[in-house]
C-alpha cells in the first residue's frame, strides 16, 4: 500500500458537506488543517519520515473554499482521506477516530435523504 497527500480540494469537498454547516469559515479552515496534518503524519509513518518544511507549508497554506459539492463527493473525498491516513497507530488516534465518525454521520445523512429510504416501510 502507498500513501499520498490529498489536495486542498479534497478537504474542501469534505467540509462543504452540510454536516459541517455549524462551523464558521475559520473553523473549517482549522479543521481542514487538522485533516491535512493527520494525512502528513500518516505519510511520515508509512515512509519513516519527518515533517518537512514543504509539508508544513502545504498545511499552513490551506484555506477553506466554499463550493457546491454533491454529498456523495463529500463522502468519497472523506473515504479517500481516511484511506490515506490508515497507517500504523494513526488509526487509533483521537483525530482519526473523530474523522471516521464524520464518515458514519455523513453516510447516514445521505441515506436518510434518499427517496428510497423515505419510501421504505417502518418496521
PDB file of N, CA and C in Angstrom:
ATOM      1  N   UNK A   1       0.839  -1.176   0.000  1.00  0.00           N
ATOM      2  CA  UNK A   1       0.000   0.000   0.000  1.00  0.00           C
ATOM      3  C   UNK A   1       0.886   1.242   0.000  1.00  0.00           C
ATOM      4  N   UNK A   2       0.445   2.254  -0.693  1.00  0.00           N
ATOM      5  CA  UNK A   2       1.158   3.527  -0.675  1.00  0.00           C
ATOM      6  C   UNK A   2       0.239   4.591  -0.087  1.00  0.00           C
ATOM      7  N   UNK A   3       0.811   5.711   0.230  1.00  0.00           N
ATOM      8  CA  UNK A   3       0.046   6.796   0.832  1.00  0.00           C
ATOM      9  C   UNK A   3       0.430   8.099   0.150  1.00  0.00           C
ATOM     10  N   UNK A   4      -0.541   8.984  -0.042  1.00  0.00           N
ATOM     11  CA  UNK A   4      -0.237  10.277  -0.646  1.00  0.00           C
ATOM     12  C   UNK A   4      -0.959  11.387   0.095  1.00  0.00           C
ATOM     13  N   UNK A   5      -0.490  12.596  -0.124  1.00  0.00           N
ATOM     14  CA  UNK A   5      -1.080  13.780   0.491  1.00  0.00           C
ATOM     15  C   UNK A   5      -2.232  14.242  -0.385  1.00  0.00           C
ATOM     16  N   UNK A   6      -3.426  14.304   0.194  1.00  0.00           N
ATOM     17  CA  UNK A   6      -4.594  14.720  -0.566  1.00  0.00           C
ATOM     18  C   UNK A   6      -4.510  16.204  -0.900  1.00  0.00           C
ATOM     19  N   UNK A   7      -5.231  16.611  -1.907  1.00  0.00           N
ATOM     20  CA  UNK A   7      -5.253  18.006  -2.342  1.00  0.00           C
ATOM     21  C   UNK A   7      -6.129  18.839  -1.417  1.00  0.00           C
ATOM     22  N   UNK A   8      -5.919  20.140  -1.435  1.00  0.00           N
ATOM     23  CA  UNK A   8      -6.783  21.049  -0.672  1.00  0.00           C
ATOM     24  C   UNK A   8      -8.237  20.891  -1.110  1.00  0.00           C
ATOM     25  N   UNK A   9      -8.463  20.650  -2.393  1.00  0.00           N
ATOM     26  CA  UNK A   9      -9.819  20.463  -2.921  1.00  0.00           C
ATOM     27  C   UNK A   9     -10.516  19.273  -2.260  1.00  0.00           C
ATOM     28  N   UNK A  10      -9.767  18.234  -1.955  1.00  0.00           N
ATOM     29  CA  UNK A  10     -10.339  17.059  -1.285  1.00  0.00           C
ATOM     30  C   UNK A  10     -10.889  17.460   0.078  1.00  0.00           C
ATOM     31  N   UNK A  11     -10.136  18.264   0.804  1.00  0.00           N
ATOM     32  CA  UNK A  11     -10.572  18.733   2.118  1.00  0.00           C
ATOM     33  C   UNK A  11     -11.789  19.649   1.973  1.00  0.00           C
ATOM     34  N   UNK A  12     -11.764  20.532   0.981  1.00  0.00           N
ATOM     35  CA  UNK A  12     -12.927  21.397   0.728  1.00  0.00           C
ATOM     36  C   UNK A  12     -14.167  20.562   0.430  1.00  0.00           C
ATOM     37  N   UNK A  13     -14.003  19.507  -0.371  1.00  0.00           N
ATOM     38  CA  UNK A  13     -15.138  18.632  -0.687  1.00  0.00           C
ATOM     39  C   UNK A  13     -15.763  18.071   0.584  1.00  0.00           C
ATOM     40  N   UNK A  14     -14.937  17.682   1.518  1.00  0.00           N
ATOM     41  CA  UNK A  14     -15.430  17.125   2.785  1.00  0.00           C
ATOM     42  C   UNK A  14     -16.154  18.198   3.584  1.00  0.00           C
ATOM     43  N   UNK A  15     -15.486  19.320   3.781  1.00  0.00           N
ATOM     44  CA  UNK A  15     -16.004  20.351   4.686  1.00  0.00           C
ATOM     45  C   UNK A  15     -17.160  21.157   4.108  1.00  0.00           C
ATOM     46  N   UNK A  16     -17.442  21.007   2.811  1.00  0.00           N
ATOM     47  CA  UNK A  16     -18.603  21.659   2.216  1.00  0.00           C
ATOM     48  C   UNK A  16     -19.887  20.866   2.439  1.00  0.00           C
ATOM     49  N   UNK A  17     -19.789  19.678   3.031  1.00  0.00           N
ATOM     50  CA  UNK A  17     -20.996  18.908   3.336  1.00  0.00           C
ATOM     51  C   UNK A  17     -21.793  19.617   4.426  1.00  0.00           C
ATOM     52  N   UNK A  18     -23.105  19.505   4.364  1.00  0.00           N
ATOM     53  CA  UNK A  18     -23.986  20.198   5.318  1.00  0.00           C
ATOM     54  C   UNK A  18     -23.729  19.779   6.765  1.00  0.00           C
ATOM     55  N   UNK A  19     -23.122  18.626   6.985  1.00  0.00           N
ATOM     56  CA  UNK A  19     -22.801  18.194   8.345  1.00  0.00           C
ATOM     57  C   UNK A  19     -21.947  19.240   9.062  1.00  0.00           C
ATOM     58  N   UNK A  20     -21.132  19.967   8.307  1.00  0.00           N
ATOM     59  CA  UNK A  20     -20.221  20.954   8.887  1.00  0.00           C
ATOM     60  C   UNK A  20     -20.767  22.380   8.815  1.00  0.00           C
ATOM     61  N   UNK A  21     -22.054  22.532   8.518  1.00  0.00           N
ATOM     62  CA  UNK A  21     -22.632  23.873   8.325  1.00  0.00           C
ATOM     63  C   UNK A  21     -22.632  24.717   9.596  1.00  0.00           C
ATOM     64  N   UNK A  22     -22.490  24.094  10.750  1.00  0.00           N
ATOM     65  CA  UNK A  22     -22.456  24.843  12.008  1.00  0.00           C
ATOM     66  C   UNK A  22     -21.089  25.481  12.279  1.00  0.00           C
ATOM     67  N   UNK A  23     -20.082  25.162  11.466  1.00  0.00           N
ATOM     68  CA  UNK A  23     -18.739  25.718  11.652  1.00  0.00           C
ATOM     69  C   UNK A  23     -18.587  27.018  10.878  1.00  0.00           C
ATOM     70  N   UNK A  24     -17.840  27.945  11.426  1.00  0.00           N
ATOM     71  CA  UNK A  24     -17.507  29.175  10.714  1.00  0.00           C
ATOM     72  C   UNK A  24     -16.449  28.864   9.655  1.00  0.00           C
ATOM     73  N   UNK A  25     -16.219  29.824   8.754  1.00  0.00           N
ATOM     74  CA  UNK A  25     -15.182  29.637   7.742  1.00  0.00           C
ATOM     75  C   UNK A  25     -13.822  29.413   8.387  1.00  0.00           C
ATOM     76  N   UNK A  26     -13.543  30.151   9.447  1.00  0.00           N
ATOM     77  CA  UNK A  26     -12.263  29.993  10.147  1.00  0.00           C
ATOM     78  C   UNK A  26     -12.164  28.613  10.790  1.00  0.00           C
ATOM     79  N   UNK A  27     -13.262  28.141  11.368  1.00  0.00           N
ATOM     80  CA  UNK A  27     -13.247  26.813  11.986  1.00  0.00           C
ATOM     81  C   UNK A  27     -13.073  25.723  10.933  1.00  0.00           C
ATOM     82  N   UNK A  28     -13.674  25.917   9.761  1.00  0.00           N
ATOM     83  CA  UNK A  28     -13.498  24.944   8.682  1.00  0.00           C
ATOM     84  C   UNK A  28     -12.050  24.934   8.203  1.00  0.00           C
ATOM     85  N   UNK A  29     -11.438  26.103   8.128  1.00  0.00           N
ATOM     86  CA  UNK A  29     -10.027  26.164   7.747  1.00  0.00           C
ATOM     87  C   UNK A  29      -9.178  25.410   8.768  1.00  0.00           C
ATOM     88  N   UNK A  30      -9.425  25.625  10.048  1.00  0.00           N
ATOM     89  CA  UNK A  30      -8.651  24.924  11.089  1.00  0.00           C
ATOM     90  C   UNK A  30      -8.901  23.421  11.042  1.00  0.00           C
ATOM     91  N   UNK A  31     -10.153  23.020  10.837  1.00  0.00           N
ATOM     92  CA  UNK A  31     -10.477  21.595  10.733  1.00  0.00           C
ATOM     93  C   UNK A  31      -9.762  20.989   9.526  1.00  0.00           C
ATOM     94  N   UNK A  32      -9.732  21.716   8.421  1.00  0.00           N
ATOM     95  CA  UNK A  32      -9.027  21.240   7.238  1.00  0.00           C
ATOM     96  C   UNK A  32      -7.542  21.064   7.491  1.00  0.00           C
ATOM     97  N   UNK A  33      -6.954  21.996   8.209  1.00  0.00           N
ATOM     98  CA  UNK A  33      -5.531  21.873   8.555  1.00  0.00           C
ATOM     99  C   UNK A  33      -5.295  20.661   9.446  1.00  0.00           C
ATOM    100  N   UNK A  34      -6.230  20.372  10.347  1.00  0.00           N
ATOM    101  CA  UNK A  34      -6.111  19.174  11.190  1.00  0.00           C
ATOM    102  C   UNK A  34      -6.134  17.919  10.320  1.00  0.00           C
ATOM    103  N   UNK A  35      -7.019  17.901   9.331  1.00  0.00           N
ATOM    104  CA  UNK A  35      -7.111  16.750   8.428  1.00  0.00           C
ATOM    105  C   UNK A  35      -5.820  16.579   7.639  1.00  0.00           C
ATOM    106  N   UNK A  36      -5.292  17.676   7.120  1.00  0.00           N
ATOM    107  CA  UNK A  36      -4.043  17.603   6.368  1.00  0.00           C
ATOM    108  C   UNK A  36      -2.878  17.183   7.256  1.00  0.00           C
ATOM    109  N   UNK A  37      -2.846  17.689   8.480  1.00  0.00           N
ATOM    110  CA  UNK A  37      -1.770  17.322   9.401  1.00  0.00           C
ATOM    111  C   UNK A  37      -1.798  15.811   9.689  1.00  0.00           C
ATOM    112  N   UNK A  38      -2.999  15.266   9.872  1.00  0.00           N
ATOM    113  CA  UNK A  38      -3.108  13.823  10.105  1.00  0.00           C
ATOM    114  C   UNK A  38      -2.629  13.058   8.876  1.00  0.00           C
ATOM    115  N   UNK A  39      -2.990  13.544   7.697  1.00  0.00           N
ATOM    116  CA  UNK A  39      -2.553  12.917   6.455  1.00  0.00           C
ATOM    117  C   UNK A  39      -1.022  12.914   6.360  1.00  0.00           C
ATOM    118  N   UNK A  40      -0.400  14.034   6.680  1.00  0.00           N
ATOM    119  CA  UNK A  40       1.063  14.130   6.661  1.00  0.00           C
ATOM    120  C   UNK A  40       1.672  13.176   7.689  1.00  0.00           C
ATOM    121  N   UNK A  41       1.093  13.120   8.878  1.00  0.00           N
ATOM    122  CA  UNK A  41       1.608  12.196   9.899  1.00  0.00           C
ATOM    123  C   UNK A  41       1.558  10.759   9.394  1.00  0.00           C
ATOM    124  N   UNK A  42       0.468  10.394   8.726  1.00  0.00           N
ATOM    125  CA  UNK A  42       0.336   9.029   8.203  1.00  0.00           C
ATOM    126  C   UNK A  42       1.383   8.745   7.123  1.00  0.00           C
ATOM    127  N   UNK A  43       1.600   9.709   6.250  1.00  0.00           N
ATOM    128  CA  UNK A  43       2.623   9.544   5.217  1.00  0.00           C
ATOM    129  C   UNK A  43       3.988   9.344   5.861  1.00  0.00           C
ATOM    130  N   UNK A  44       4.274  10.131   6.882  1.00  0.00           N
ATOM    131  CA  UNK A  44       5.569  10.021   7.550  1.00  0.00           C
ATOM    132  C   UNK A  44       5.703   8.724   8.335  1.00  0.00           C
ATOM    133  N   UNK A  45       4.611   8.190   8.841  1.00  0.00           N
ATOM    134  CA  UNK A  45       4.642   6.859   9.462  1.00  0.00           C
ATOM    135  C   UNK A  45       4.946   5.822   8.385  1.00  0.00           C
ATOM    136  N   UNK A  46       4.267   5.935   7.267  1.00  0.00           N
ATOM    137  CA  UNK A  46       4.417   4.973   6.175  1.00  0.00           C
ATOM    138  C   UNK A  46       5.851   4.943   5.636  1.00  0.00           C
ATOM    139  N   UNK A  47       6.431   6.118   5.484  1.00  0.00           N
ATOM    140  CA  UNK A  47       7.743   6.206   4.842  1.00  0.00           C
ATOM    141  C   UNK A  47       8.870   6.581   5.796  1.00  0.00           C
ATOM    142  N   UNK A  48       8.607   6.428   7.101  1.00  0.00           N
ATOM    143  CA  UNK A  48       9.612   6.708   8.133  1.00  0.00           C
ATOM    144  C   UNK A  48      10.223   8.098   7.984  1.00  0.00           C
ATOM    145  N   UNK A  49       9.387   9.055   7.708  1.00  0.00           N
ATOM    146  CA  UNK A  49       9.876  10.408   7.500  1.00  0.00           C
ATOM    147  C   UNK A  49       9.548  11.325   8.658  1.00  0.00           C
ATOM    148  N   UNK A  50       9.976  12.540   8.519  1.00  0.00           N
ATOM    149  CA  UNK A  50       9.688  13.603   9.485  1.00  0.00           C
ATOM    150  C   UNK A  50       9.007  14.731   8.723  1.00  0.00           C
ATOM    151  N   UNK A  51       8.264  15.541   9.455  1.00  0.00           N
ATOM    152  CA  UNK A  51       7.574  16.676   8.862  1.00  0.00           C
ATOM    153  C   UNK A  51       8.577  17.584   8.157  1.00  0.00           C
ATOM    154  N   UNK A  52       8.343  17.828   6.881  1.00  0.00           N
ATOM    155  CA  UNK A  52       9.240  18.691   6.116  1.00  0.00           C
ATOM    156  C   UNK A  52       8.671  20.110   6.059  1.00  0.00           C
ATOM    157  N   UNK A  53       9.523  21.055   5.706  1.00  0.00           N
ATOM    158  CA  UNK A  53       9.069  22.437   5.533  1.00  0.00           C
ATOM    159  C   UNK A  53       7.995  22.517   4.456  1.00  0.00           C
ATOM    160  N   UNK A  54       8.182  21.744   3.405  1.00  0.00           N
ATOM    161  CA  UNK A  54       7.210  21.735   2.307  1.00  0.00           C
ATOM    162  C   UNK A  54       5.847  21.233   2.788  1.00  0.00           C
ATOM    163  N   UNK A  55       5.842  20.179   3.590  1.00  0.00           N
ATOM    164  CA  UNK A  55       4.590  19.670   4.130  1.00  0.00           C
ATOM    165  C   UNK A  55       3.944  20.685   5.070  1.00  0.00           C
ATOM    166  N   UNK A  56       4.748  21.289   5.913  1.00  0.00           N
ATOM    167  CA  UNK A  56       4.244  22.301   6.848  1.00  0.00           C
ATOM    168  C   UNK A  56       3.634  23.472   6.087  1.00  0.00           C
ATOM    169  N   UNK A  57       4.296  23.881   5.030  1.00  0.00           N
ATOM    170  CA  UNK A  57       3.795  24.988   4.208  1.00  0.00           C
ATOM    171  C   UNK A  57       2.475  24.606   3.533  1.00  0.00           C
ATOM    172  N   UNK A  58       2.389  23.369   3.032  1.00  0.00           N
ATOM    173  CA  UNK A  58       1.160  22.891   2.389  1.00  0.00           C
ATOM    174  C   UNK A  58      -0.011  22.930   3.367  1.00  0.00           C
ATOM    175  N   UNK A  59       0.232  22.519   4.600  1.00  0.00           N
ATOM    176  CA  UNK A  59      -0.803  22.554   5.633  1.00  0.00           C
ATOM    177  C   UNK A  59      -1.185  24.000   5.938  1.00  0.00           C
ATOM    178  N   UNK A  60      -0.200  24.830   6.198  1.00  0.00           N
ATOM    179  CA  UNK A  60      -0.453  26.222   6.583  1.00  0.00           C
ATOM    180  C   UNK A  60      -1.083  27.048   5.479  1.00  0.00           C
ATOM    181  N   UNK A  61      -0.872  26.659   4.225  1.00  0.00           N
ATOM    182  CA  UNK A  61      -1.458  27.385   3.090  1.00  0.00           C
ATOM    183  C   UNK A  61      -2.937  27.065   2.881  1.00  0.00           C
ATOM    184  N   UNK A  62      -3.428  26.045   3.570  1.00  0.00           N
ATOM    185  CA  UNK A  62      -4.827  25.668   3.362  1.00  0.00           C
ATOM    186  C   UNK A  62      -5.768  26.747   3.888  1.00  0.00           C
ATOM    187  N   UNK A  63      -6.735  27.098   3.055  1.00  0.00           N
ATOM    188  CA  UNK A  63      -7.805  27.998   3.453  1.00  0.00           C
ATOM    189  C   UNK A  63      -9.087  27.466   2.829  1.00  0.00           C
ATOM    190  N   UNK A  64     -10.057  27.181   3.669  1.00  0.00           N
ATOM    191  CA  UNK A  64     -11.319  26.602   3.205  1.00  0.00           C
ATOM    192  C   UNK A  64     -11.963  27.457   2.115  1.00  0.00           C
ATOM    193  N   UNK A  65     -12.449  26.775   1.079  1.00  0.00           N
ATOM    194  CA  UNK A  65     -13.139  27.432  -0.036  1.00  0.00           C
ATOM    195  C   UNK A  65     -14.570  26.887  -0.144  1.00  0.00           C
ATOM    196  N   UNK A  66     -15.525  27.786  -0.150  1.00  0.00           N
ATOM    197  CA  UNK A  66     -16.925  27.391  -0.295  1.00  0.00           C
ATOM    198  C   UNK A  66     -17.164  26.926  -1.726  1.00  0.00           C
ATOM    199  N   UNK A  67     -17.894  25.825  -1.859  1.00  0.00           N
ATOM    200  CA  UNK A  67     -18.247  25.297  -3.171  1.00  0.00           C
ATOM    201  C   UNK A  67     -19.523  24.482  -3.032  1.00  0.00           C
ATOM    202  N   UNK A  68     -20.211  24.302  -4.131  1.00  0.00           N
ATOM    203  CA  UNK A  68     -21.413  23.475  -4.156  1.00  0.00           C
ATOM    204  C   UNK A  68     -20.973  22.049  -4.489  1.00  0.00           C
ATOM    205  N   UNK A  69     -20.900  21.213  -3.469  1.00  0.00           N
ATOM    206  CA  UNK A  69     -20.364  19.859  -3.629  1.00  0.00           C
ATOM    207  C   UNK A  69     -21.470  18.840  -3.397  1.00  0.00           C
ATOM    208  N   UNK A  70     -21.573  17.897  -4.307  1.00  0.00           N
ATOM    209  CA  UNK A  70     -22.515  16.788  -4.178  1.00  0.00           C
ATOM    210  C   UNK A  70     -22.201  16.020  -2.888  1.00  0.00           C
ATOM    211  N   UNK A  71     -23.214  15.644  -2.095  1.00  0.00           N
ATOM    212  CA  UNK A  71     -22.956  14.910  -0.846  1.00  0.00           C
ATOM    213  C   UNK A  71     -22.166  13.615  -1.052  1.00  0.00           C
ATOM    214  N   UNK A  72     -22.393  12.961  -2.184  1.00  0.00           N
ATOM    215  CA  UNK A  72     -21.648  11.730  -2.450  1.00  0.00           C
ATOM    216  C   UNK A  72     -20.165  12.023  -2.671  1.00  0.00           C
ATOM    217  N   UNK A  73     -19.862  13.175  -3.289  1.00  0.00           N
ATOM    218  CA  UNK A  73     -18.457  13.572  -3.461  1.00  0.00           C
ATOM    219  C   UNK A  73     -17.823  13.870  -2.111  1.00  0.00           C
ATOM    220  N   UNK A  74     -18.579  14.513  -1.225  1.00  0.00           N
ATOM    221  CA  UNK A  74     -18.063  14.773   0.130  1.00  0.00           C
ATOM    222  C   UNK A  74     -17.676  13.467   0.805  1.00  0.00           C
ATOM    223  N   UNK A  75     -18.562  12.488   0.709  1.00  0.00           N
ATOM    224  CA  UNK A  75     -18.314  11.191   1.349  1.00  0.00           C
ATOM    225  C   UNK A  75     -17.123  10.479   0.710  1.00  0.00           C
ATOM    226  N   UNK A  76     -17.062  10.487  -0.609  1.00  0.00           N
ATOM    227  CA  UNK A  76     -15.956   9.796  -1.275  1.00  0.00           C
ATOM    228  C   UNK A  76     -14.617  10.472  -0.965  1.00  0.00           C
ATOM    229  N   UNK A  77     -14.621  11.799  -0.901  1.00  0.00           N
ATOM    230  CA  UNK A  77     -13.397  12.511  -0.531  1.00  0.00           C
ATOM    231  C   UNK A  77     -12.978  12.165   0.889  1.00  0.00           C
ATOM    232  N   UNK A  78     -13.944  12.024   1.792  1.00  0.00           N
ATOM    233  CA  UNK A  78     -13.633  11.622   3.164  1.00  0.00           C
ATOM    234  C   UNK A  78     -13.085  10.204   3.195  1.00  0.00           C
ATOM    235  N   UNK A  79     -13.666   9.298   2.404  1.00  0.00           N
ATOM    236  CA  UNK A  79     -13.129   7.934   2.320  1.00  0.00           C
ATOM    237  C   UNK A  79     -11.680   7.967   1.851  1.00  0.00           C
ATOM    238  N   UNK A  80     -11.403   8.797   0.854  1.00  0.00           N
ATOM    239  CA  UNK A  80     -10.031   8.922   0.333  1.00  0.00           C
ATOM    240  C   UNK A  80      -9.082   9.397   1.433  1.00  0.00           C
ATOM    241  N   UNK A  81      -9.473  10.451   2.139  1.00  0.00           N
ATOM    242  CA  UNK A  81      -8.624  10.965   3.217  1.00  0.00           C
ATOM    243  C   UNK A  81      -8.363   9.884   4.263  1.00  0.00           C
ATOM    244  N   UNK A  82      -9.403   9.215   4.704  1.00  0.00           N
ATOM    245  CA  UNK A  82      -9.239   8.190   5.744  1.00  0.00           C
ATOM    246  C   UNK A  82      -8.350   7.052   5.256  1.00  0.00           C
ATOM    247  N   UNK A  83      -8.493   6.669   4.006  1.00  0.00           N
ATOM    248  CA  UNK A  83      -7.652   5.608   3.448  1.00  0.00           C
ATOM    249  C   UNK A  83      -6.188   6.037   3.456  1.00  0.00           C
ATOM    250  N   UNK A  84      -5.932   7.294   3.086  1.00  0.00           N
ATOM    251  CA  UNK A  84      -4.554   7.795   3.070  1.00  0.00           C
ATOM    252  C   UNK A  84      -3.981   7.928   4.480  1.00  0.00           C
ATOM    253  N   UNK A  85      -4.856   8.032   5.466  1.00  0.00           N
ATOM    254  CA  UNK A  85      -4.409   8.176   6.861  1.00  0.00           C
ATOM    255  C   UNK A  85      -4.312   6.846   7.601  1.00  0.00           C
ATOM    256  N   UNK A  86      -4.695   5.764   6.960  1.00  0.00           N
ATOM    257  CA  UNK A  86      -4.740   4.453   7.625  1.00  0.00           C
ATOM    258  C   UNK A  86      -3.350   3.819   7.674  1.00  0.00           C
ATOM    259  N   UNK A  87      -2.486   4.378   8.489  1.00  0.00           N
ATOM    260  CA  UNK A  87      -1.108   3.891   8.632  1.00  0.00           C
ATOM    261  C   UNK A  87      -0.764   3.745  10.103  1.00  0.00           C
ATOM    262  N   UNK A  88      -0.246   2.581  10.470  1.00  0.00           N
ATOM    263  CA  UNK A  88       0.258   2.351  11.822  1.00  0.00           C
ATOM    264  C   UNK A  88      -0.737   2.722  12.911  1.00  0.00           C
ATOM    265  N   UNK A  89      -0.225   3.380  13.932  1.00  0.00           N
ATOM    266  CA  UNK A  89      -1.045   3.755  15.088  1.00  0.00           C
ATOM    267  C   UNK A  89      -1.949   4.955  14.808  1.00  0.00           C
ATOM    268  N   UNK A  90      -1.812   5.556  13.633  1.00  0.00           N
ATOM    269  CA  UNK A  90      -2.645   6.706  13.283  1.00  0.00           C
ATOM    270  C   UNK A  90      -4.124   6.331  13.394  1.00  0.00           C
ATOM    271  N   UNK A  91      -4.460   5.102  13.011  1.00  0.00           N
ATOM    272  CA  UNK A  91      -5.873   4.682  13.017  1.00  0.00           C
ATOM    273  C   UNK A  91      -6.459   4.619  14.430  1.00  0.00           C
ATOM    274  N   UNK A  92      -5.620   4.668  15.448  1.00  0.00           N
ATOM    275  CA  UNK A  92      -6.092   4.659  16.834  1.00  0.00           C
ATOM    276  C   UNK A  92      -6.048   6.050  17.457  1.00  0.00           C
ATOM    277  N   UNK A  93      -5.624   7.037  16.675  1.00  0.00           N
ATOM    278  CA  UNK A  93      -5.503   8.390  17.217  1.00  0.00           C
ATOM    279  C   UNK A  93      -6.879   9.034  17.379  1.00  0.00           C
ATOM    280  N   UNK A  94      -6.940   9.987  18.264  1.00  0.00           N
ATOM    281  CA  UNK A  94      -8.193  10.706  18.528  1.00  0.00           C
ATOM    282  C   UNK A  94      -8.719  11.373  17.256  1.00  0.00           C
ATOM    283  N   UNK A  95      -7.846  12.009  16.502  1.00  0.00           N
ATOM    284  CA  UNK A  95      -8.265  12.706  15.277  1.00  0.00           C
ATOM    285  C   UNK A  95      -8.783  11.726  14.231  1.00  0.00           C
ATOM    286  N   UNK A  96      -8.100  10.607  14.038  1.00  0.00           N
ATOM    287  CA  UNK A  96      -8.559   9.628  13.057  1.00  0.00           C
ATOM    288  C   UNK A  96      -9.942   9.108  13.454  1.00  0.00           C
ATOM    289  N   UNK A  97     -10.123   8.821  14.717  1.00  0.00           N
ATOM    290  CA  UNK A  97     -11.421   8.327  15.176  1.00  0.00           C
ATOM    291  C   UNK A  97     -12.501   9.393  15.025  1.00  0.00           C
ATOM    292  N   UNK A  98     -12.144  10.649  15.278  1.00  0.00           N
ATOM    293  CA  UNK A  98     -13.090  11.750  15.073  1.00  0.00           C
ATOM    294  C   UNK A  98     -13.506  11.819  13.605  1.00  0.00           C
ATOM    295  N   UNK A  99     -12.530  11.783  12.698  1.00  0.00           N
ATOM    296  CA  UNK A  99     -12.829  11.887  11.273  1.00  0.00           C
ATOM    297  C   UNK A  99     -13.594  10.659  10.776  1.00  0.00           C
ATOM    298  N   UNK A 100     -13.322   9.497  11.339  1.00  0.00           N
ATOM    299  CA  UNK A 100     -14.091   8.292  10.996  1.00  0.00           C
ATOM    300  C   UNK A 100     -15.547   8.449  11.417  1.00  0.00           C
ATOM    301  N   UNK A 101     -15.761   9.112  12.526  1.00  0.00           N
ATOM    302  CA  UNK A 101     -17.129   9.383  12.980  1.00  0.00           C
ATOM    303  C   UNK A 101     -17.885  10.260  11.993  1.00  0.00           C
ATOM    304  N   UNK A 102     -17.196  11.187  11.347  1.00  0.00           N
ATOM    305  CA  UNK A 102     -17.833  12.012  10.327  1.00  0.00           C
ATOM    306  C   UNK A 102     -18.346  11.132   9.194  1.00  0.00           C
ATOM    307  N   UNK A 103     -17.574  10.113   8.851  1.00  0.00           N
ATOM    308  CA  UNK A 103     -17.966   9.214   7.768  1.00  0.00           C
ATOM    309  C   UNK A 103     -19.315   8.574   8.082  1.00  0.00           C
ATOM    310  N   UNK A 104     -19.469   8.110   9.296  1.00  0.00           N
ATOM    311  CA  UNK A 104     -20.733   7.474   9.693  1.00  0.00           C
ATOM    312  C   UNK A 104     -21.891   8.467   9.642  1.00  0.00           C
ATOM    313  N   UNK A 105     -21.669   9.677  10.136  1.00  0.00           N
ATOM    314  CA  UNK A 105     -22.736  10.676  10.166  1.00  0.00           C
ATOM    315  C   UNK A 105     -23.112  11.128   8.753  1.00  0.00           C
ATOM    316  N   UNK A 106     -22.140  11.369   7.899  1.00  0.00           N
ATOM    317  CA  UNK A 106     -22.423  11.809   6.534  1.00  0.00           C
ATOM    318  C   UNK A 106     -23.135  10.699   5.763  1.00  0.00           C
ATOM    319  N   UNK A 107     -22.685   9.470   5.935  1.00  0.00           N
ATOM    320  CA  UNK A 107     -23.344   8.335   5.277  1.00  0.00           C
ATOM    321  C   UNK A 107     -24.804   8.260   5.696  1.00  0.00           C
ATOM    322  N   UNK A 108     -25.061   8.387   6.980  1.00  0.00           N
ATOM    323  CA  UNK A 108     -26.432   8.327   7.476  1.00  0.00           C
ATOM    324  C   UNK A 108     -27.265   9.478   6.904  1.00  0.00           C
ATOM    325  N   UNK A 109     -26.690  10.675   6.848  1.00  0.00           N
ATOM    326  CA  UNK A 109     -27.427  11.818   6.294  1.00  0.00           C
ATOM    327  C   UNK A 109     -27.767  11.590   4.828  1.00  0.00           C
ATOM    328  N   UNK A 110     -26.846  11.038   4.064  1.00  0.00           N
ATOM    329  CA  UNK A 110     -27.090  10.767   2.647  1.00  0.00           C
ATOM    330  C   UNK A 110     -28.210   9.747   2.497  1.00  0.00           C
ATOM    331  N   UNK A 111     -28.125   8.672   3.240  1.00  0.00           N
ATOM    332  CA  UNK A 111     -29.131   7.612   3.134  1.00  0.00           C
ATOM    333  C   UNK A 111     -30.510   8.128   3.537  1.00  0.00           C
ATOM    334  N   UNK A 112     -30.560   8.869   4.628  1.00  0.00           N
ATOM    335  CA  UNK A 112     -31.857   9.343   5.108  1.00  0.00           C
ATOM    336  C   UNK A 112     -32.480  10.386   4.175  1.00  0.00           C
ATOM    337  N   UNK A 113     -31.695  10.977   3.295  1.00  0.00           N
ATOM    338  CA  UNK A 113     -32.221  11.936   2.329  1.00  0.00           C
ATOM    339  C   UNK A 113     -32.537  11.308   0.974  1.00  0.00           C
ATOM    340  N   UNK A 114     -32.350  10.012   0.847  1.00  0.00           N
ATOM    341  CA  UNK A 114     -32.665   9.318  -0.400  1.00  0.00           C
ATOM    342  C   UNK A 114     -34.157   9.001  -0.445  1.00  0.00           C
ATOM    343  N   UNK A 115     -34.788   9.172  -1.606  1.00  0.00           N
ATOM    344  CA  UNK A 115     -36.216   8.851  -1.727  1.00  0.00           C
ATOM    345  C   UNK A 115     -36.522   7.394  -1.384  1.00  0.00           C
ATOM    346  N   UNK A 116     -35.607   6.503  -1.714  1.00  0.00           N
ATOM    347  CA  UNK A 116     -35.819   5.089  -1.416  1.00  0.00           C
ATOM    348  C   UNK A 116     -35.943   4.848   0.083  1.00  0.00           C
ATOM    349  N   UNK A 117     -35.146   5.565   0.855  1.00  0.00           N
ATOM    350  CA  UNK A 117     -35.222   5.433   2.308  1.00  0.00           C
ATOM    351  C   UNK A 117     -36.565   5.976   2.797  1.00  0.00           C
ATOM    352  N   UNK A 118     -36.952   7.108   2.263  1.00  0.00           N
ATOM    353  CA  UNK A 118     -38.210   7.733   2.661  1.00  0.00           C
ATOM    354  C   UNK A 118     -39.398   6.837   2.349  1.00  0.00           C
ATOM    355  N   UNK A 119     -39.325   6.098   1.230  1.00  0.00           N
ATOM    356  CA  UNK A 119     -40.430   5.209   0.812  1.00  0.00           C
ATOM    357  C   UNK A 119     -40.427   3.888   1.556  1.00  0.00           C
ATOM    358  N   UNK A 120     -39.311   3.532   2.173  1.00  0.00           N
ATOM    359  CA  UNK A 120     -39.220   2.223   2.848  1.00  0.00           C
ATOM    360  C   UNK A 120     -40.188   2.159   4.030  1.00  0.00           C
ATOM    361  N   UNK A 121     -40.684   0.957   4.274  1.00  0.00           N
ATOM    362  CA  UNK A 121     -41.643   0.717   5.340  1.00  0.00           C
ATOM    363  C   UNK A 121     -40.943   0.785   6.692  1.00  0.00           C
ATOM    364  N   UNK A 122     -41.604   1.395   7.667  1.00  0.00           N
ATOM    365  CA  UNK A 122     -41.094   1.448   9.036  1.00  0.00           C
ATOM    366  C   UNK A 122     -41.456   0.163   9.741  1.00  0.00           C
ATOM    367  N   UNK A 123     -40.474  -0.571  10.194  1.00  0.00           N
ATOM    368  CA  UNK A 123     -40.742  -1.801  10.956  1.00  0.00           C
ATOM    369  C   UNK A 123     -40.575  -3.056  10.145  1.00  0.00           C
TER     370      UNK A 123
END
